[in-house]
N, C-alpha and C. Protein backbone atom coordinates (compact mmCIF):
# COMPACT_ATOMS: atom_id res chain seq x y z
N MET A 1 -2.97 10.83 17.96
CA MET A 1 -3.27 11.03 16.56
C MET A 1 -3.70 9.70 15.96
N LYS A 2 -4.81 9.71 15.25
CA LYS A 2 -5.30 8.51 14.59
C LYS A 2 -5.08 8.63 13.09
N LEU A 3 -4.45 7.60 12.52
CA LEU A 3 -4.24 7.55 11.09
C LEU A 3 -5.00 6.35 10.53
N PRO A 4 -5.73 6.53 9.43
CA PRO A 4 -6.41 5.39 8.82
C PRO A 4 -5.37 4.40 8.28
N LEU A 5 -5.71 3.13 8.29
CA LEU A 5 -4.77 2.11 7.87
C LEU A 5 -5.33 1.28 6.73
N THR A 6 -5.75 1.93 5.66
CA THR A 6 -6.22 1.21 4.48
C THR A 6 -5.18 1.36 3.38
N PRO A 7 -5.16 0.45 2.42
CA PRO A 7 -4.18 0.57 1.32
C PRO A 7 -4.28 1.91 0.59
N LEU A 8 -5.49 2.41 0.40
CA LEU A 8 -5.62 3.69 -0.31
C LEU A 8 -5.06 4.85 0.51
N ASP A 9 -5.15 4.76 1.82
CA ASP A 9 -4.54 5.78 2.67
C ASP A 9 -3.01 5.72 2.59
N PHE A 10 -2.48 4.50 2.51
CA PHE A 10 -1.03 4.36 2.35
C PHE A 10 -0.56 5.01 1.05
N LEU A 11 -1.32 4.80 -0.02
CA LEU A 11 -0.97 5.39 -1.31
C LEU A 11 -1.05 6.91 -1.25
N ALA A 12 -2.10 7.44 -0.67
CA ALA A 12 -2.26 8.90 -0.56
C ALA A 12 -1.13 9.50 0.27
N ARG A 13 -0.76 8.82 1.34
CA ARG A 13 0.31 9.33 2.20
C ARG A 13 1.66 9.31 1.49
N ALA A 14 1.94 8.23 0.78
CA ALA A 14 3.21 8.14 0.04
C ALA A 14 3.27 9.20 -1.06
N ARG A 15 2.15 9.42 -1.73
CA ARG A 15 2.08 10.44 -2.79
C ARG A 15 2.33 11.83 -2.21
N ARG A 16 1.79 12.09 -1.03
CA ARG A 16 1.90 13.41 -0.41
C ARG A 16 3.27 13.65 0.22
N LEU A 17 3.79 12.67 0.94
CA LEU A 17 5.02 12.88 1.71
C LEU A 17 6.31 12.51 0.96
N PHE A 18 6.23 11.55 0.04
CA PHE A 18 7.45 11.06 -0.62
C PHE A 18 7.33 11.00 -2.13
N PRO A 19 6.83 12.03 -2.78
CA PRO A 19 6.55 11.93 -4.22
C PRO A 19 7.79 11.65 -5.07
N ASP A 20 8.95 12.12 -4.66
CA ASP A 20 10.16 11.96 -5.49
C ASP A 20 11.03 10.77 -5.08
N ARG A 21 10.63 10.04 -4.08
CA ARG A 21 11.40 8.86 -3.66
C ARG A 21 11.00 7.65 -4.50
N VAL A 22 11.96 6.77 -4.74
CA VAL A 22 11.68 5.54 -5.46
C VAL A 22 10.80 4.66 -4.58
N GLY A 23 9.68 4.23 -5.14
CA GLY A 23 8.74 3.42 -4.37
C GLY A 23 8.52 2.05 -4.95
N VAL A 24 8.85 1.87 -6.24
CA VAL A 24 8.64 0.59 -6.91
C VAL A 24 9.91 0.23 -7.67
N VAL A 25 10.39 -0.98 -7.44
CA VAL A 25 11.58 -1.48 -8.15
C VAL A 25 11.23 -2.84 -8.71
N GLN A 26 11.52 -3.03 -10.00
CA GLN A 26 11.32 -4.34 -10.63
C GLN A 26 12.57 -4.66 -11.42
N GLY A 27 13.33 -5.61 -10.92
CA GLY A 27 14.56 -5.99 -11.60
C GLY A 27 15.56 -4.85 -11.62
N ASP A 28 16.41 -4.87 -12.64
CA ASP A 28 17.43 -3.84 -12.78
C ASP A 28 16.97 -2.66 -13.61
N ASP A 29 15.90 -2.83 -14.36
CA ASP A 29 15.57 -1.80 -15.34
C ASP A 29 14.28 -1.02 -15.08
N LEU A 30 13.61 -1.22 -13.97
CA LEU A 30 12.42 -0.43 -13.69
C LEU A 30 12.49 0.16 -12.29
N ARG A 31 12.42 1.47 -12.23
CA ARG A 31 12.37 2.20 -10.97
C ARG A 31 11.29 3.27 -11.15
N MET A 32 10.40 3.36 -10.17
CA MET A 32 9.30 4.29 -10.25
C MET A 32 9.18 5.05 -8.94
N THR A 33 9.00 6.36 -9.03
CA THR A 33 8.78 7.15 -7.81
C THR A 33 7.35 6.91 -7.33
N TYR A 34 7.09 7.30 -6.09
CA TYR A 34 5.73 7.17 -5.56
C TYR A 34 4.75 8.01 -6.37
N ALA A 35 5.19 9.19 -6.84
CA ALA A 35 4.30 10.05 -7.63
C ALA A 35 3.92 9.36 -8.94
N THR A 36 4.89 8.78 -9.61
CA THR A 36 4.63 8.08 -10.87
C THR A 36 3.75 6.87 -10.63
N PHE A 37 4.06 6.13 -9.58
CA PHE A 37 3.26 4.95 -9.23
C PHE A 37 1.81 5.35 -8.97
N ALA A 38 1.59 6.40 -8.21
CA ALA A 38 0.24 6.86 -7.89
C ALA A 38 -0.51 7.31 -9.16
N ARG A 39 0.21 7.99 -10.07
CA ARG A 39 -0.42 8.40 -11.33
C ARG A 39 -0.85 7.19 -12.15
N ARG A 40 -0.02 6.16 -12.17
CA ARG A 40 -0.37 4.94 -12.91
C ARG A 40 -1.58 4.25 -12.27
N CYS A 41 -1.65 4.26 -10.96
CA CYS A 41 -2.81 3.68 -10.26
C CYS A 41 -4.08 4.47 -10.60
N ASP A 42 -3.96 5.80 -10.62
CA ASP A 42 -5.10 6.66 -10.99
C ASP A 42 -5.55 6.38 -12.43
N ALA A 43 -4.57 6.20 -13.33
CA ALA A 43 -4.89 5.93 -14.74
C ALA A 43 -5.61 4.59 -14.89
N LEU A 44 -5.16 3.59 -14.14
CA LEU A 44 -5.84 2.28 -14.18
C LEU A 44 -7.27 2.42 -13.66
N ALA A 45 -7.45 3.16 -12.58
CA ALA A 45 -8.79 3.37 -12.02
C ALA A 45 -9.69 4.06 -13.05
N ALA A 46 -9.16 5.06 -13.74
CA ALA A 46 -9.95 5.77 -14.75
C ALA A 46 -10.32 4.84 -15.91
N LEU A 47 -9.37 4.02 -16.34
CA LEU A 47 -9.64 3.06 -17.41
C LEU A 47 -10.75 2.10 -16.99
N LEU A 48 -10.67 1.60 -15.77
CA LEU A 48 -11.68 0.66 -15.29
C LEU A 48 -13.07 1.30 -15.19
N ARG A 49 -13.11 2.53 -14.68
CA ARG A 49 -14.39 3.21 -14.53
C ARG A 49 -14.96 3.65 -15.88
N ASP A 50 -14.14 4.34 -16.66
CA ASP A 50 -14.63 4.99 -17.87
C ASP A 50 -14.73 4.06 -19.08
N ASP A 51 -13.71 3.23 -19.29
CA ASP A 51 -13.70 2.38 -20.49
C ASP A 51 -14.32 1.02 -20.26
N VAL A 52 -14.02 0.40 -19.13
CA VAL A 52 -14.56 -0.93 -18.85
C VAL A 52 -15.94 -0.83 -18.21
N GLY A 53 -16.18 0.23 -17.45
CA GLY A 53 -17.48 0.46 -16.83
C GLY A 53 -17.74 -0.36 -15.58
N ILE A 54 -16.69 -0.61 -14.80
CA ILE A 54 -16.93 -1.38 -13.58
C ILE A 54 -17.69 -0.52 -12.56
N ALA A 55 -18.51 -1.18 -11.80
CA ALA A 55 -19.29 -0.53 -10.75
C ALA A 55 -18.71 -0.91 -9.40
N PRO A 56 -19.05 -0.16 -8.35
CA PRO A 56 -18.54 -0.52 -7.02
C PRO A 56 -18.87 -1.98 -6.68
N GLY A 57 -17.86 -2.68 -6.22
CA GLY A 57 -18.03 -4.09 -5.84
C GLY A 57 -17.77 -5.09 -6.95
N ASP A 58 -17.62 -4.62 -8.19
CA ASP A 58 -17.32 -5.54 -9.29
C ASP A 58 -15.93 -6.15 -9.10
N ARG A 59 -15.78 -7.40 -9.51
CA ARG A 59 -14.51 -8.09 -9.38
C ARG A 59 -13.70 -7.96 -10.66
N VAL A 60 -12.44 -7.56 -10.51
CA VAL A 60 -11.53 -7.43 -11.63
C VAL A 60 -10.41 -8.44 -11.42
N ALA A 61 -10.31 -9.41 -12.34
CA ALA A 61 -9.32 -10.47 -12.22
C ALA A 61 -8.00 -10.03 -12.85
N PHE A 62 -6.91 -10.55 -12.29
CA PHE A 62 -5.58 -10.21 -12.78
C PHE A 62 -4.75 -11.48 -12.80
N LEU A 63 -4.26 -11.85 -13.98
CA LEU A 63 -3.45 -13.05 -14.15
C LEU A 63 -2.07 -12.63 -14.64
N ALA A 64 -1.13 -12.56 -13.73
CA ALA A 64 0.24 -12.16 -14.07
C ALA A 64 1.17 -12.58 -12.95
N GLY A 65 2.44 -12.59 -13.24
CA GLY A 65 3.43 -12.91 -12.23
C GLY A 65 3.61 -11.74 -11.27
N ASN A 66 4.69 -11.76 -10.55
CA ASN A 66 4.98 -10.72 -9.56
C ASN A 66 5.60 -9.51 -10.27
N VAL A 67 4.75 -8.71 -10.91
CA VAL A 67 5.19 -7.57 -11.72
C VAL A 67 4.55 -6.28 -11.22
N HIS A 68 5.10 -5.15 -11.65
CA HIS A 68 4.59 -3.86 -11.17
C HIS A 68 3.14 -3.63 -11.56
N GLN A 69 2.68 -4.21 -12.66
CA GLN A 69 1.29 -4.03 -13.06
C GLN A 69 0.33 -4.62 -12.03
N LEU A 70 0.73 -5.74 -11.41
CA LEU A 70 -0.11 -6.33 -10.38
C LEU A 70 -0.14 -5.44 -9.14
N LEU A 71 1.00 -4.86 -8.78
CA LEU A 71 1.03 -3.93 -7.65
C LEU A 71 0.12 -2.74 -7.93
N GLU A 72 0.18 -2.21 -9.16
CA GLU A 72 -0.69 -1.10 -9.53
C GLU A 72 -2.16 -1.50 -9.46
N ALA A 73 -2.44 -2.75 -9.79
CA ALA A 73 -3.83 -3.23 -9.75
C ALA A 73 -4.36 -3.26 -8.32
N TYR A 74 -3.49 -3.59 -7.35
CA TYR A 74 -3.95 -3.62 -5.96
C TYR A 74 -4.52 -2.26 -5.54
N TYR A 75 -3.98 -1.19 -6.08
CA TYR A 75 -4.46 0.15 -5.74
C TYR A 75 -5.47 0.66 -6.76
N GLY A 76 -5.19 0.48 -8.04
CA GLY A 76 -6.06 1.01 -9.09
C GLY A 76 -7.46 0.44 -9.06
N VAL A 77 -7.56 -0.86 -8.81
CA VAL A 77 -8.89 -1.48 -8.74
C VAL A 77 -9.66 -0.94 -7.54
N LEU A 78 -8.98 -0.79 -6.41
CA LEU A 78 -9.64 -0.21 -5.22
C LEU A 78 -10.07 1.23 -5.47
N LEU A 79 -9.21 2.01 -6.13
CA LEU A 79 -9.56 3.40 -6.43
C LEU A 79 -10.80 3.49 -7.31
N ALA A 80 -10.98 2.49 -8.18
CA ALA A 80 -12.15 2.47 -9.06
C ALA A 80 -13.39 1.92 -8.36
N GLY A 81 -13.22 1.43 -7.14
CA GLY A 81 -14.36 0.89 -6.40
C GLY A 81 -14.53 -0.61 -6.56
N GLY A 82 -13.63 -1.25 -7.29
CA GLY A 82 -13.75 -2.68 -7.52
C GLY A 82 -13.04 -3.52 -6.48
N VAL A 83 -13.10 -4.82 -6.70
CA VAL A 83 -12.45 -5.80 -5.84
C VAL A 83 -11.46 -6.56 -6.70
N LEU A 84 -10.19 -6.59 -6.29
CA LEU A 84 -9.16 -7.27 -7.07
C LEU A 84 -9.23 -8.77 -6.83
N LEU A 85 -9.15 -9.53 -7.92
CA LEU A 85 -9.13 -10.98 -7.87
C LEU A 85 -7.83 -11.46 -8.51
N PRO A 86 -6.74 -11.55 -7.73
CA PRO A 86 -5.49 -12.04 -8.31
C PRO A 86 -5.58 -13.55 -8.51
N LEU A 87 -5.23 -14.02 -9.70
CA LEU A 87 -5.33 -15.44 -10.03
C LEU A 87 -3.96 -16.10 -9.95
N ASN A 88 -3.95 -17.37 -9.63
CA ASN A 88 -2.71 -18.13 -9.50
C ASN A 88 -2.17 -18.47 -10.89
N ILE A 89 -0.95 -18.06 -11.19
CA ILE A 89 -0.36 -18.29 -12.51
C ILE A 89 -0.08 -19.76 -12.76
N ARG A 90 -0.11 -20.58 -11.74
CA ARG A 90 0.17 -22.01 -11.92
C ARG A 90 -1.09 -22.83 -12.23
N ASN A 91 -2.25 -22.19 -12.20
CA ASN A 91 -3.49 -22.90 -12.52
C ASN A 91 -3.60 -23.15 -14.02
N SER A 92 -4.29 -24.22 -14.37
CA SER A 92 -4.54 -24.52 -15.78
C SER A 92 -5.67 -23.62 -16.28
N ALA A 93 -5.86 -23.60 -17.60
CA ALA A 93 -6.93 -22.78 -18.18
C ALA A 93 -8.31 -23.16 -17.64
N PRO A 94 -8.65 -24.45 -17.51
CA PRO A 94 -9.97 -24.78 -16.94
C PRO A 94 -10.11 -24.33 -15.48
N GLU A 95 -9.04 -24.43 -14.70
CA GLU A 95 -9.10 -23.96 -13.31
C GLU A 95 -9.29 -22.45 -13.24
N LEU A 96 -8.60 -21.73 -14.12
CA LEU A 96 -8.75 -20.28 -14.17
C LEU A 96 -10.17 -19.90 -14.58
N ALA A 97 -10.72 -20.63 -15.57
CA ALA A 97 -12.08 -20.36 -16.02
C ALA A 97 -13.06 -20.57 -14.87
N PHE A 98 -12.85 -21.62 -14.08
CA PHE A 98 -13.72 -21.86 -12.93
C PHE A 98 -13.65 -20.71 -11.93
N CYS A 99 -12.44 -20.26 -11.62
CA CYS A 99 -12.26 -19.15 -10.67
C CYS A 99 -12.97 -17.89 -11.16
N LEU A 100 -12.81 -17.58 -12.44
CA LEU A 100 -13.45 -16.39 -13.01
C LEU A 100 -14.97 -16.48 -12.94
N GLU A 101 -15.50 -17.64 -13.27
CA GLU A 101 -16.95 -17.85 -13.23
C GLU A 101 -17.47 -17.82 -11.79
N ASP A 102 -16.77 -18.52 -10.90
CA ASP A 102 -17.20 -18.60 -9.51
C ASP A 102 -17.21 -17.24 -8.83
N ALA A 103 -16.24 -16.40 -9.16
CA ALA A 103 -16.14 -15.07 -8.55
C ALA A 103 -16.97 -14.02 -9.27
N SER A 104 -17.55 -14.37 -10.39
CA SER A 104 -18.34 -13.43 -11.21
C SER A 104 -17.51 -12.22 -11.62
N ALA A 105 -16.29 -12.48 -12.09
CA ALA A 105 -15.41 -11.39 -12.54
C ALA A 105 -16.02 -10.68 -13.74
N VAL A 106 -15.84 -9.36 -13.78
CA VAL A 106 -16.38 -8.59 -14.91
C VAL A 106 -15.30 -8.16 -15.89
N ALA A 107 -14.02 -8.28 -15.51
CA ALA A 107 -12.91 -7.90 -16.39
C ALA A 107 -11.70 -8.75 -16.01
N LEU A 108 -10.80 -8.93 -17.00
CA LEU A 108 -9.59 -9.72 -16.80
C LEU A 108 -8.41 -9.00 -17.41
N PHE A 109 -7.35 -8.86 -16.63
CA PHE A 109 -6.05 -8.41 -17.13
C PHE A 109 -5.18 -9.65 -17.13
N ARG A 110 -4.57 -9.96 -18.28
CA ARG A 110 -3.83 -11.22 -18.40
C ARG A 110 -2.50 -11.03 -19.09
N ASP A 111 -1.44 -11.59 -18.49
CA ASP A 111 -0.13 -11.68 -19.12
C ASP A 111 -0.33 -12.57 -20.34
N SER A 112 0.00 -12.07 -21.52
CA SER A 112 -0.29 -12.80 -22.75
C SER A 112 0.47 -14.11 -22.87
N SER A 113 1.49 -14.33 -22.04
CA SER A 113 2.24 -15.57 -22.11
C SER A 113 1.63 -16.66 -21.22
N LEU A 114 0.62 -16.33 -20.45
CA LEU A 114 -0.02 -17.29 -19.55
C LEU A 114 -1.28 -17.86 -20.19
N PRO A 115 -1.79 -18.99 -19.67
CA PRO A 115 -2.94 -19.66 -20.30
C PRO A 115 -4.15 -18.74 -20.46
N ASP A 116 -4.83 -18.90 -21.60
CA ASP A 116 -6.04 -18.14 -21.86
C ASP A 116 -7.22 -18.93 -21.30
N PRO A 117 -7.89 -18.39 -20.29
CA PRO A 117 -9.01 -19.12 -19.69
C PRO A 117 -10.31 -19.02 -20.49
N GLY A 118 -10.29 -18.33 -21.63
CA GLY A 118 -11.49 -18.21 -22.44
C GLY A 118 -12.54 -17.32 -21.81
N PHE A 119 -12.09 -16.26 -21.15
CA PHE A 119 -13.00 -15.33 -20.48
C PHE A 119 -13.81 -14.55 -21.50
N ALA A 120 -15.13 -14.47 -21.29
CA ALA A 120 -16.02 -13.81 -22.25
C ALA A 120 -16.10 -12.30 -22.07
N GLY A 121 -15.70 -11.79 -20.90
CA GLY A 121 -15.79 -10.35 -20.64
C GLY A 121 -14.61 -9.58 -21.19
N PRO A 122 -14.52 -8.30 -20.87
CA PRO A 122 -13.41 -7.49 -21.36
C PRO A 122 -12.07 -8.02 -20.83
N THR A 123 -11.12 -8.18 -21.75
CA THR A 123 -9.80 -8.71 -21.39
C THR A 123 -8.73 -7.76 -21.91
N THR A 124 -7.80 -7.41 -21.06
CA THR A 124 -6.66 -6.59 -21.45
C THR A 124 -5.40 -7.42 -21.26
N ARG A 125 -4.60 -7.53 -22.30
CA ARG A 125 -3.37 -8.30 -22.18
C ARG A 125 -2.23 -7.39 -21.76
N THR A 126 -1.43 -7.87 -20.83
CA THR A 126 -0.24 -7.14 -20.39
C THR A 126 0.96 -7.79 -21.04
N ARG A 127 2.10 -7.11 -20.99
CA ARG A 127 3.32 -7.67 -21.55
C ARG A 127 3.77 -8.85 -20.71
N PRO A 128 4.39 -9.84 -21.33
CA PRO A 128 4.89 -10.98 -20.56
C PRO A 128 5.91 -10.54 -19.54
N ARG A 129 5.91 -11.21 -18.40
CA ARG A 129 6.94 -10.92 -17.41
C ARG A 129 8.26 -11.41 -17.96
N SER A 130 9.30 -10.69 -17.71
CA SER A 130 10.61 -11.10 -18.21
C SER A 130 11.69 -10.50 -17.34
N CYS A 131 12.85 -11.08 -17.45
CA CYS A 131 13.97 -10.59 -16.67
C CYS A 131 14.60 -9.39 -17.37
N SER A 132 15.52 -8.78 -16.73
CA SER A 132 16.22 -7.65 -17.30
C SER A 132 17.17 -8.11 -18.39
N THR A 133 17.16 -7.44 -19.54
CA THR A 133 18.08 -7.83 -20.60
C THR A 133 19.51 -7.61 -20.16
N ARG A 134 19.76 -6.63 -19.28
CA ARG A 134 21.12 -6.43 -18.79
C ARG A 134 21.58 -7.63 -18.00
N ARG A 135 20.70 -8.20 -17.20
CA ARG A 135 21.09 -9.37 -16.41
C ARG A 135 21.34 -10.56 -17.32
N VAL A 136 20.54 -10.71 -18.38
CA VAL A 136 20.73 -11.82 -19.30
C VAL A 136 22.08 -11.68 -19.97
N ARG A 137 22.39 -10.47 -20.45
CA ARG A 137 23.66 -10.23 -21.12
C ARG A 137 24.83 -10.48 -20.18
N ARG A 138 24.70 -9.99 -18.95
CA ARG A 138 25.78 -10.13 -17.97
C ARG A 138 26.01 -11.60 -17.63
N ALA A 139 24.94 -12.37 -17.51
CA ALA A 139 25.07 -13.77 -17.13
C ALA A 139 25.60 -14.61 -18.28
N GLY A 140 25.32 -14.18 -19.50
CA GLY A 140 25.89 -14.85 -20.65
C GLY A 140 25.14 -16.07 -21.15
N ARG A 141 24.18 -16.56 -20.42
CA ARG A 141 23.43 -17.69 -20.95
C ARG A 141 22.02 -17.75 -20.35
N ARG A 142 21.17 -18.40 -21.10
CA ARG A 142 19.77 -18.53 -20.73
C ARG A 142 19.61 -19.21 -19.37
N GLY A 143 18.65 -18.72 -18.57
CA GLY A 143 18.33 -19.36 -17.32
C GLY A 143 19.26 -19.04 -16.17
N ARG A 144 20.25 -18.17 -16.39
CA ARG A 144 21.20 -17.85 -15.33
C ARG A 144 21.18 -16.36 -15.03
N CYS A 145 20.06 -15.69 -15.28
CA CYS A 145 20.05 -14.23 -15.15
C CYS A 145 19.61 -13.75 -13.78
N CYS A 146 19.04 -14.58 -12.98
CA CYS A 146 18.64 -14.09 -11.66
C CYS A 146 19.68 -14.48 -10.62
N ARG A 147 19.54 -13.92 -9.47
CA ARG A 147 20.55 -14.13 -8.43
C ARG A 147 20.70 -15.60 -8.03
N THR A 148 19.62 -16.36 -8.09
CA THR A 148 19.68 -17.75 -7.65
C THR A 148 20.27 -18.66 -8.73
N GLY A 149 20.35 -18.15 -9.97
CA GLY A 149 20.83 -18.99 -11.06
C GLY A 149 19.74 -19.89 -11.62
N ARG A 150 18.52 -19.76 -11.12
CA ARG A 150 17.41 -20.59 -11.60
C ARG A 150 16.27 -19.70 -12.03
N CYS A 151 16.46 -18.93 -13.07
CA CYS A 151 15.45 -17.98 -13.51
C CYS A 151 14.30 -18.69 -14.17
N THR A 152 13.10 -18.32 -13.85
CA THR A 152 11.92 -18.91 -14.46
C THR A 152 11.11 -17.87 -15.23
N CYS A 153 11.73 -16.74 -15.57
CA CYS A 153 11.00 -15.72 -16.29
C CYS A 153 10.68 -16.20 -17.70
N MET A 154 9.73 -15.57 -18.36
CA MET A 154 9.28 -16.03 -19.66
C MET A 154 10.36 -15.91 -20.72
N ARG A 155 11.23 -14.92 -20.64
CA ARG A 155 12.28 -14.79 -21.64
C ARG A 155 13.21 -15.99 -21.58
N CYS A 156 13.53 -16.45 -20.37
CA CYS A 156 14.47 -17.55 -20.22
C CYS A 156 13.84 -18.91 -20.47
N THR A 157 12.58 -19.08 -20.16
CA THR A 157 11.98 -20.40 -20.25
C THR A 157 11.31 -20.66 -21.58
N THR A 158 11.18 -19.67 -22.47
CA THR A 158 10.51 -19.91 -23.75
C THR A 158 11.47 -19.94 -24.92
N ARG A 159 12.75 -19.82 -24.69
CA ARG A 159 13.72 -19.88 -25.79
C ARG A 159 14.08 -21.30 -26.12
């Protein structure tokens, strides 16, 4: 038996075989089933095709930390026919602007707490990455909410 091994095939298989199983976990407060995750990927693909107007092969840049929206972009951009361009969150605004220009990106999704590269094309801001409020409350003080005790999430580092 031959099974295709592309990311979109993995998503289709997870949607078909494990729709009610938890497939995405982010911190203590976000759990998503494979069915929900796949629907969100489909919605992103529709937004990119219908509202942004990306064509097959267009590059869609994404500037965010390790959050579920970036995982959804890995599938949603492919479903729309685009190419995902994940950007390094540690780059400065001029470095990000160079990457966007060099790659000929047609759209940018950006965590609003990260540097604005001054992109001229369509830009969608995502919510800042942050830790779980339950973990912050439980830890009792800023910067001690993650398991390592050295949290660098935006909620802890911007207070």
